[in-house]
Amino acid sequence: MGIILYLIVGGLIGWLAGAIIGRDMPLGIIGNIIAGIVGAWIGGELLGSWGPSLAGIAIVPALIGAIIFVFIISAIMRGSRKKR
């Protein structure tokens, strides 16, 4: 049950990061889950694990990390579309 909750929280964080930036992740729900999990890792490395936590994910650092990740991915995707 823990892994399912981890994936759900990761997906919600990824979705929220995309909504804040105003850009969608490629691959839809799977992309949001990846963005949330990678964002949790990035945020944890940069900011530590402070603030409220759910399913082992510190929410605030994970959201900040996911925003950074979504911004980078959207910039890469936008750059590759211009080359075509």
PDB file of N, CA and C in Angstrom:
ATOM      1  N   MET A   1       0.819  -1.200   0.000  1.00  0.00           N
ATOM      2  CA  MET A   1       0.000   0.000   0.000  1.00  0.00           C
ATOM      3  C   MET A   1       0.861   1.260   0.000  1.00  0.00           C
ATOM      4  N   GLY A   2       2.051   1.185   0.572  1.00  0.00           N
ATOM      5  CA  GLY A   2       2.927   2.338   0.668  1.00  0.00           C
ATOM      6  C   GLY A   2       3.392   2.835  -0.689  1.00  0.00           C
ATOM      7  N   ILE A   3       3.718   1.919  -1.611  1.00  0.00           N
ATOM      8  CA  ILE A   3       4.194   2.328  -2.933  1.00  0.00           C
ATOM      9  C   ILE A   3       3.079   3.006  -3.720  1.00  0.00           C
ATOM     10  N   ILE A   4       1.851   2.547  -3.553  1.00  0.00           N
ATOM     11  CA  ILE A   4       0.725   3.156  -4.265  1.00  0.00           C
ATOM     12  C   ILE A   4       0.509   4.588  -3.767  1.00  0.00           C
ATOM     13  N   LEU A   5       0.570   4.786  -2.463  1.00  0.00           N
ATOM     14  CA  LEU A   5       0.422   6.121  -1.896  1.00  0.00           C
ATOM     15  C   LEU A   5       1.573   7.020  -2.337  1.00  0.00           C
ATOM     16  N   TYR A   6       2.783   6.477  -2.410  1.00  0.00           N
ATOM     17  CA  TYR A   6       3.951   7.220  -2.878  1.00  0.00           C
ATOM     18  C   TYR A   6       3.754   7.681  -4.321  1.00  0.00           C
ATOM     19  N   LEU A   7       3.236   6.804  -5.176  1.00  0.00           N
ATOM     20  CA  LEU A   7       2.983   7.156  -6.575  1.00  0.00           C
ATOM     21  C   LEU A   7       1.874   8.200  -6.699  1.00  0.00           C
ATOM     22  N   ILE A   8       0.839   8.071  -5.882  1.00  0.00           N
ATOM     23  CA  ILE A   8      -0.264   9.035  -5.912  1.00  0.00           C
ATOM     24  C   ILE A   8       0.226  10.419  -5.475  1.00  0.00           C
ATOM     25  N   VAL A   9       0.978  10.477  -4.390  1.00  0.00           N
ATOM     26  CA  VAL A   9       1.504  11.761  -3.917  1.00  0.00           C
ATOM     27  C   VAL A   9       2.468  12.344  -4.947  1.00  0.00           C
ATOM     28  N   GLY A  10       3.316  11.515  -5.533  1.00  0.00           N
ATOM     29  CA  GLY A  10       4.219  11.975  -6.591  1.00  0.00           C
ATOM     30  C   GLY A  10       3.459  12.523  -7.787  1.00  0.00           C
ATOM     31  N   GLY A  11       2.386  11.845  -8.183  1.00  0.00           N
ATOM     32  CA  GLY A  11       1.568  12.325  -9.290  1.00  0.00           C
ATOM     33  C   GLY A  11       0.894  13.655  -8.997  1.00  0.00           C
ATOM     34  N   LEU A  12       0.401  13.808  -7.782  1.00  0.00           N
ATOM     35  CA  LEU A  12      -0.236  15.071  -7.398  1.00  0.00           C
ATOM     36  C   LEU A  12       0.769  16.214  -7.355  1.00  0.00           C
ATOM     37  N   ILE A  13       1.959  15.941  -6.847  1.00  0.00           N
ATOM     38  CA  ILE A  13       2.990  16.982  -6.808  1.00  0.00           C
ATOM     39  C   ILE A  13       3.407  17.354  -8.223  1.00  0.00           C
ATOM     40  N   GLY A  14       3.573  16.372  -9.097  1.00  0.00           N
ATOM     41  CA  GLY A  14       3.921  16.651 -10.493  1.00  0.00           C
ATOM     42  C   GLY A  14       2.835  17.444 -11.205  1.00  0.00           C
ATOM     43  N   TRP A  15       1.585  17.090 -10.960  1.00  0.00           N
ATOM     44  CA  TRP A  15       0.469  17.812 -11.568  1.00  0.00           C
ATOM     45  C   TRP A  15       0.421  19.257 -11.072  1.00  0.00           C
ATOM     46  N   LEU A  16       0.602  19.440  -9.766  1.00  0.00           N
ATOM     47  CA  LEU A  16       0.572  20.775  -9.187  1.00  0.00           C
ATOM     48  C   LEU A  16       1.728  21.630  -9.709  1.00  0.00           C
ATOM     49  N   ALA A  17       2.893  21.039  -9.864  1.00  0.00           N
ATOM     50  CA  ALA A  17       4.038  21.783 -10.414  1.00  0.00           C
ATOM     51  C   ALA A  17       3.744  22.220 -11.846  1.00  0.00           C
ATOM     52  N   GLY A  18       3.162  21.337 -12.645  1.00  0.00           N
ATOM     53  CA  GLY A  18       2.794  21.704 -14.016  1.00  0.00           C
ATOM     54  C   GLY A  18       1.735  22.786 -14.049  1.00  0.00           C
ATOM     55  N   ALA A  19       0.791  22.734 -13.110  1.00  0.00           N
ATOM     56  CA  ALA A  19      -0.259  23.749 -13.048  1.00  0.00           C
ATOM     57  C   ALA A  19       0.306  25.101 -12.627  1.00  0.00           C
ATOM     58  N   ILE A  20       1.263  25.104 -11.716  1.00  0.00           N
ATOM     59  CA  ILE A  20       1.873  26.359 -11.268  1.00  0.00           C
ATOM     60  C   ILE A  20       2.655  27.003 -12.407  1.00  0.00           C
ATOM     61  N   ILE A  21       3.416  26.205 -13.133  1.00  0.00           N
ATOM     62  CA  ILE A  21       4.216  26.739 -14.241  1.00  0.00           C
ATOM     63  C   ILE A  21       3.345  27.013 -15.461  1.00  0.00           C
ATOM     64  N   GLY A  22       2.272  26.291 -15.608  1.00  0.00           N
ATOM     65  CA  GLY A  22       1.395  26.484 -16.763  1.00  0.00           C
ATOM     66  C   GLY A  22       1.784  25.632 -17.955  1.00  0.00           C
ATOM     67  N   ARG A  23       2.531  24.584 -17.707  1.00  0.00           N
ATOM     68  CA  ARG A  23       2.967  23.682 -18.772  1.00  0.00           C
ATOM     69  C   ARG A  23       2.691  22.253 -18.348  1.00  0.00           C
ATOM     70  N   ASP A  24       2.265  21.437 -19.294  1.00  0.00           N
ATOM     71  CA  ASP A  24       1.990  20.042 -19.006  1.00  0.00           C
ATOM     72  C   ASP A  24       3.230  19.194 -19.238  1.00  0.00           C
ATOM     73  N   MET A  25       3.338  18.126 -18.474  1.00  0.00           N
ATOM     74  CA  MET A  25       4.416  17.164 -18.684  1.00  0.00           C
ATOM     75  C   MET A  25       4.033  16.239 -19.824  1.00  0.00           C
ATOM     76  N   PRO A  26       5.006  15.824 -20.642  1.00  0.00           N
ATOM     77  CA  PRO A  26       4.712  14.806 -21.636  1.00  0.00           C
ATOM     78  C   PRO A  26       4.346  13.493 -20.939  1.00  0.00           C
ATOM     79  N   LEU A  27       3.614  12.653 -21.583  1.00  0.00           N
ATOM     80  CA  LEU A  27       3.170  11.338 -21.109  1.00  0.00           C
ATOM     81  C   LEU A  27       2.038  11.405 -20.091  1.00  0.00           C
ATOM     82  N   GLY A  28       1.441  12.565 -19.883  1.00  0.00           N
ATOM     83  CA  GLY A  28       0.253  12.680 -19.037  1.00  0.00           C
ATOM     84  C   GLY A  28       0.485  12.296 -17.588  1.00  0.00           C
ATOM     85  N   ILE A  29      -0.295  11.339 -17.102  1.00  0.00           N
ATOM     86  CA  ILE A  29      -0.245  10.931 -15.695  1.00  0.00           C
ATOM     87  C   ILE A  29       1.110  10.340 -15.348  1.00  0.00           C
ATOM     88  N   ILE A  30       1.658   9.527 -16.233  1.00  0.00           N
ATOM     89  CA  ILE A  30       2.972   8.927 -15.988  1.00  0.00           C
ATOM     90  C   ILE A  30       4.030  10.029 -15.876  1.00  0.00           C
ATOM     91  N   GLY A  31       3.955  11.026 -16.735  1.00  0.00           N
ATOM     92  CA  GLY A  31       4.881  12.153 -16.670  1.00  0.00           C
ATOM     93  C   GLY A  31       4.751  12.928 -15.368  1.00  0.00           C
ATOM     94  N   ASN A  32       3.521  13.089 -14.895  1.00  0.00           N
ATOM     95  CA  ASN A  32       3.310  13.778 -13.611  1.00  0.00           C
ATOM     96  C   ASN A  32       3.904  12.983 -12.454  1.00  0.00           C
ATOM     97  N   ILE A  33       3.735  11.673 -12.480  1.00  0.00           N
ATOM     98  CA  ILE A  33       4.303  10.826 -11.426  1.00  0.00           C
ATOM     99  C   ILE A  33       5.830  10.922 -11.447  1.00  0.00           C
ATOM    100  N   ILE A  34       6.406  10.846 -12.641  1.00  0.00           N
ATOM    101  CA  ILE A  34       7.866  10.948 -12.766  1.00  0.00           C
ATOM    102  C   ILE A  34       8.337  12.320 -12.285  1.00  0.00           C
ATOM    103  N   ALA A  35       7.624  13.374 -12.684  1.00  0.00           N
ATOM    104  CA  ALA A  35       7.998  14.728 -12.259  1.00  0.00           C
ATOM    105  C   ALA A  35       7.925  14.862 -10.747  1.00  0.00           C
ATOM    106  N   GLY A  36       6.908  14.290 -10.132  1.00  0.00           N
ATOM    107  CA  GLY A  36       6.772  14.365  -8.678  1.00  0.00           C
ATOM    108  C   GLY A  36       7.863  13.609  -7.948  1.00  0.00           C
ATOM    109  N   ILE A  37       8.201  12.422  -8.430  1.00  0.00           N
ATOM    110  CA  ILE A  37       9.226  11.615  -7.770  1.00  0.00           C
ATOM    111  C   ILE A  37      10.609  12.215  -7.979  1.00  0.00           C
ATOM    112  N   VAL A  38      10.915  12.608  -9.216  1.00  0.00           N
ATOM    113  CA  VAL A  38      12.214  13.246  -9.481  1.00  0.00           C
ATOM    114  C   VAL A  38      12.282  14.588  -8.749  1.00  0.00           C
ATOM    115  N   GLY A  39      11.174  15.317  -8.731  1.00  0.00           N
ATOM    116  CA  GLY A  39      11.124  16.582  -8.003  1.00  0.00           C
ATOM    117  C   GLY A  39      11.349  16.393  -6.515  1.00  0.00           C
ATOM    118  N   ALA A  40      10.822  15.311  -5.955  1.00  0.00           N
ATOM    119  CA  ALA A  40      11.051  15.020  -4.537  1.00  0.00           C
ATOM    120  C   ALA A  40      12.534  14.765  -4.287  1.00  0.00           C
ATOM    121  N   TRP A  41      13.171  14.089  -5.212  1.00  0.00           N
ATOM    122  CA  TRP A  41      14.606  13.835  -5.066  1.00  0.00           C
ATOM    123  C   TRP A  41      15.404  15.135  -5.186  1.00  0.00           C
ATOM    124  N   ILE A  42      15.096  15.935  -6.218  1.00  0.00           N
ATOM    125  CA  ILE A  42      15.796  17.211  -6.411  1.00  0.00           C
ATOM    126  C   ILE A  42      15.586  18.122  -5.203  1.00  0.00           C
ATOM    127  N   GLY A  43      14.341  18.262  -4.778  1.00  0.00           N
ATOM    128  CA  GLY A  43      14.037  19.110  -3.626  1.00  0.00           C
ATOM    129  C   GLY A  43      14.696  18.619  -2.359  1.00  0.00           C
ATOM    130  N   GLY A  44      14.742  17.307  -2.181  1.00  0.00           N
ATOM    131  CA  GLY A  44      15.399  16.748  -1.003  1.00  0.00           C
ATOM    132  C   GLY A  44      16.893  17.017  -1.001  1.00  0.00           C
ATOM    133  N   GLU A  45      17.515  16.933  -2.169  1.00  0.00           N
ATOM    134  CA  GLU A  45      18.946  17.202  -2.260  1.00  0.00           C
ATOM    135  C   GLU A  45      19.260  18.680  -2.050  1.00  0.00           C
ATOM    136  N   LEU A  46      18.424  19.549  -2.603  1.00  0.00           N
ATOM    137  CA  LEU A  46      18.686  20.983  -2.500  1.00  0.00           C
ATOM    138  C   LEU A  46      18.259  21.581  -1.162  1.00  0.00           C
ATOM    139  N   LEU A  47      17.113  21.147  -0.653  1.00  0.00           N
ATOM    140  CA  LEU A  47      16.511  21.805   0.503  1.00  0.00           C
ATOM    141  C   LEU A  47      16.395  20.940   1.750  1.00  0.00           C
ATOM    142  N   GLY A  48      16.671  19.664   1.644  1.00  0.00           N
ATOM    143  CA  GLY A  48      16.495  18.775   2.792  1.00  0.00           C
ATOM    144  C   GLY A  48      15.047  18.317   2.894  1.00  0.00           C
ATOM    145  N   SER A  49      14.686  17.784   4.027  1.00  0.00           N
ATOM    146  CA  SER A  49      13.332  17.248   4.202  1.00  0.00           C
ATOM    147  C   SER A  49      12.606  17.971   5.327  1.00  0.00           C
ATOM    148  N   TRP A  50      12.360  19.245   5.141  1.00  0.00           N
ATOM    149  CA  TRP A  50      11.646  20.029   6.140  1.00  0.00           C
ATOM    150  C   TRP A  50      10.196  20.210   5.703  1.00  0.00           C
ATOM    151  N   GLY A  51       9.355  20.594   6.597  1.00  0.00           N
ATOM    152  CA  GLY A  51       7.950  20.827   6.290  1.00  0.00           C
ATOM    153  C   GLY A  51       7.122  19.565   6.429  1.00  0.00           C
ATOM    154  N   PRO A  52       5.851  19.674   6.080  1.00  0.00           N
ATOM    155  CA  PRO A  52       4.965  18.512   6.200  1.00  0.00           C
ATOM    156  C   PRO A  52       5.384  17.400   5.252  1.00  0.00           C
ATOM    157  N   SER A  53       5.119  16.174   5.686  1.00  0.00           N
ATOM    158  CA  SER A  53       5.512  15.001   4.915  1.00  0.00           C
ATOM    159  C   SER A  53       4.313  14.085   4.723  1.00  0.00           C
ATOM    160  N   LEU A  54       4.218  13.495   3.542  1.00  0.00           N
ATOM    161  CA  LEU A  54       3.155  12.544   3.247  1.00  0.00           C
ATOM    162  C   LEU A  54       3.755  11.409   2.433  1.00  0.00           C
ATOM    163  N   ALA A  55       3.569  10.182   2.875  1.00  0.00           N
ATOM    164  CA  ALA A  55       4.085   8.985   2.221  1.00  0.00           C
ATOM    165  C   ALA A  55       5.600   9.039   2.070  1.00  0.00           C
ATOM    166  N   GLY A  56       6.284   9.650   3.025  1.00  0.00           N
ATOM    167  CA  GLY A  56       7.728   9.735   2.981  1.00  0.00           C
ATOM    168  C   GLY A  56       8.258  10.838   2.082  1.00  0.00           C
ATOM    169  N   ILE A  57       7.376  11.681   1.552  1.00  0.00           N
ATOM    170  CA  ILE A  57       7.776  12.786   0.679  1.00  0.00           C
ATOM    171  C   ILE A  57       7.539  14.090   1.424  1.00  0.00           C
ATOM    172  N   ALA A  58       8.606  14.876   1.580  1.00  0.00           N
ATOM    173  CA  ALA A  58       8.462  16.215   2.174  1.00  0.00           C
ATOM    174  C   ALA A  58       7.811  17.100   1.113  1.00  0.00           C
ATOM    175  N   ILE A  59       6.624  17.588   1.368  1.00  0.00           N
ATOM    176  CA  ILE A  59       5.785  18.239   0.361  1.00  0.00           C
ATOM    177  C   ILE A  59       6.418  19.506  -0.219  1.00  0.00           C
ATOM    178  N   VAL A  60       6.863  20.427   0.603  1.00  0.00           N
ATOM    179  CA  VAL A  60       7.362  21.716   0.105  1.00  0.00           C
ATOM    180  C   VAL A  60       8.630  21.548  -0.727  1.00  0.00           C
ATOM    181  N   PRO A  61       9.666  20.850  -0.239  1.00  0.00           N
ATOM    182  CA  PRO A  61      10.845  20.664  -1.089  1.00  0.00           C
ATOM    183  C   PRO A  61      10.538  19.875  -2.364  1.00  0.00           C
ATOM    184  N   ALA A  62       9.635  18.900  -2.270  1.00  0.00           N
ATOM    185  CA  ALA A  62       9.269  18.118  -3.450  1.00  0.00           C
ATOM    186  C   ALA A  62       8.571  18.989  -4.485  1.00  0.00           C
ATOM    187  N   LEU A  63       7.719  19.881  -4.042  1.00  0.00           N
ATOM    188  CA  LEU A  63       7.025  20.772  -4.972  1.00  0.00           C
ATOM    189  C   LEU A  63       8.006  21.725  -5.643  1.00  0.00           C
ATOM    190  N   ILE A  64       8.928  22.272  -4.881  1.00  0.00           N
ATOM    191  CA  ILE A  64       9.931  23.170  -5.461  1.00  0.00           C
ATOM    192  C   ILE A  64      10.816  22.406  -6.446  1.00  0.00           C
ATOM    193  N   GLY A  65      11.236  21.209  -6.078  1.00  0.00           N
ATOM    194  CA  GLY A  65      12.043  20.390  -6.981  1.00  0.00           C
ATOM    195  C   GLY A  65      11.278  20.006  -8.234  1.00  0.00           C
ATOM    196  N   ALA A  66       9.984  19.697  -8.103  1.00  0.00           N
ATOM    197  CA  ALA A  66       9.168  19.340  -9.263  1.00  0.00           C
ATOM    198  C   ALA A  66       8.977  20.545 -10.182  1.00  0.00           C
ATOM    199  N   ILE A  67       8.831  21.719  -9.625  1.00  0.00           N
ATOM    200  CA  ILE A  67       8.720  22.931 -10.448  1.00  0.00           C
ATOM    201  C   ILE A  67       9.998  23.118 -11.263  1.00  0.00           C
ATOM    202  N   ILE A  68      11.144  22.932 -10.626  1.00  0.00           N
ATOM    203  CA  ILE A  68      12.420  23.031 -11.337  1.00  0.00           C
ATOM    204  C   ILE A  68      12.486  21.990 -12.447  1.00  0.00           C
ATOM    205  N   PHE A  69      12.107  20.748 -12.140  1.00  0.00           N
ATOM    206  CA  PHE A  69      12.168  19.661 -13.119  1.00  0.00           C
ATOM    207  C   PHE A  69      11.227  19.904 -14.297  1.00  0.00           C
ATOM    208  N   VAL A  70       9.995  20.303 -14.019  1.00  0.00           N
ATOM    209  CA  VAL A  70       9.025  20.568 -15.089  1.00  0.00           C
ATOM    210  C   VAL A  70       9.506  21.723 -15.967  1.00  0.00           C
ATOM    211  N   PHE A  71      10.078  22.751 -15.360  1.00  0.00           N
ATOM    212  CA  PHE A  71      10.601  23.874 -16.134  1.00  0.00           C
ATOM    213  C   PHE A  71      11.724  23.421 -17.067  1.00  0.00           C
ATOM    214  N   ILE A  72      12.632  22.608 -16.563  1.00  0.00           N
ATOM    215  CA  ILE A  72      13.744  22.121 -17.391  1.00  0.00           C
ATOM    216  C   ILE A  72      13.236  21.247 -18.520  1.00  0.00           C
ATOM    217  N   ILE A  73      12.338  20.328 -18.227  1.00  0.00           N
ATOM    218  CA  ILE A  73      11.807  19.434 -19.264  1.00  0.00           C
ATOM    219  C   ILE A  73      11.033  20.220 -20.311  1.00  0.00           C
ATOM    220  N   SER A  74      10.234  21.179 -19.883  1.00  0.00           N
ATOM    221  CA  SER A  74       9.462  21.957 -20.860  1.00  0.00           C
ATOM    222  C   SER A  74      10.389  22.804 -21.730  1.00  0.00           C
ATOM    223  N   ALA A  75      11.493  23.324 -21.170  1.00  0.00           N
ATOM    224  CA  ALA A  75      12.456  24.083 -21.974  1.00  0.00           C
ATOM    225  C   ALA A  75      13.139  23.184 -22.992  1.00  0.00           C
ATOM    226  N   ILE A  76      13.473  21.968 -22.595  1.00  0.00           N
ATOM    227  CA  ILE A  76      14.093  21.017 -23.528  1.00  0.00           C
ATOM    228  C   ILE A  76      13.115  20.644 -24.631  1.00  0.00           C
ATOM    229  N   MET A  77      11.871  20.372 -24.257  1.00  0.00           N
ATOM    230  CA  MET A  77      10.862  19.986 -25.264  1.00  0.00           C
ATOM    231  C   MET A  77      10.574  21.146 -26.217  1.00  0.00           C
ATOM    232  N   ARG A  78      10.528  22.362 -25.704  1.00  0.00           N
ATOM    233  CA  ARG A  78      10.285  23.523 -26.541  1.00  0.00           C
ATOM    234  C   ARG A  78      11.452  23.734 -27.513  1.00  0.00           C
ATOM    235  N   GLY A  79      12.673  23.518 -27.055  1.00  0.00           N
ATOM    236  CA  GLY A  79      13.850  23.656 -27.901  1.00  0.00           C
ATOM    237  C   GLY A  79      13.890  22.606 -28.989  1.00  0.00           C
ATOM    238  N   SER A  80      13.459  21.389 -28.680  1.00  0.00           N
ATOM    239  CA  SER A  80      13.477  20.331 -29.700  1.00  0.00           C
ATOM    240  C   SER A  80      12.362  20.536 -30.720  1.00  0.00           C
ATOM    241  N   ARG A  81      11.272  21.171 -30.352  1.00  0.00           N
ATOM    242  CA  ARG A  81      10.193  21.455 -31.309  1.00  0.00           C
ATOM    243  C   ARG A  81      10.605  22.536 -32.292  1.00  0.00           C
ATOM    244  N   LYS A  82      11.401  23.505 -31.861  1.00  0.00           N
ATOM    245  CA  LYS A  82      11.838  24.583 -32.751  1.00  0.00           C
ATOM    246  C   LYS A  82      12.805  24.079 -33.810  1.00  0.00           C
ATOM    247  N   LYS A  83      13.561  23.034 -33.519  1.00  0.00           N
ATOM    248  CA  LYS A  83      14.532  22.506 -34.471  1.00  0.00           C
ATOM    249  C   LYS A  83      13.881  21.751 -35.610  1.00  0.00           C
ATOM    250  N   ARG A  84      12.690  21.271 -35.422  1.00  0.00           N
ATOM    251  CA  ARG A  84      12.018  20.461 -36.456  1.00  0.00           C
ATOM    252  C   ARG A  84      11.409  21.308 -37.515  1.00  0.00           C
TER     253      ARG A  84
END
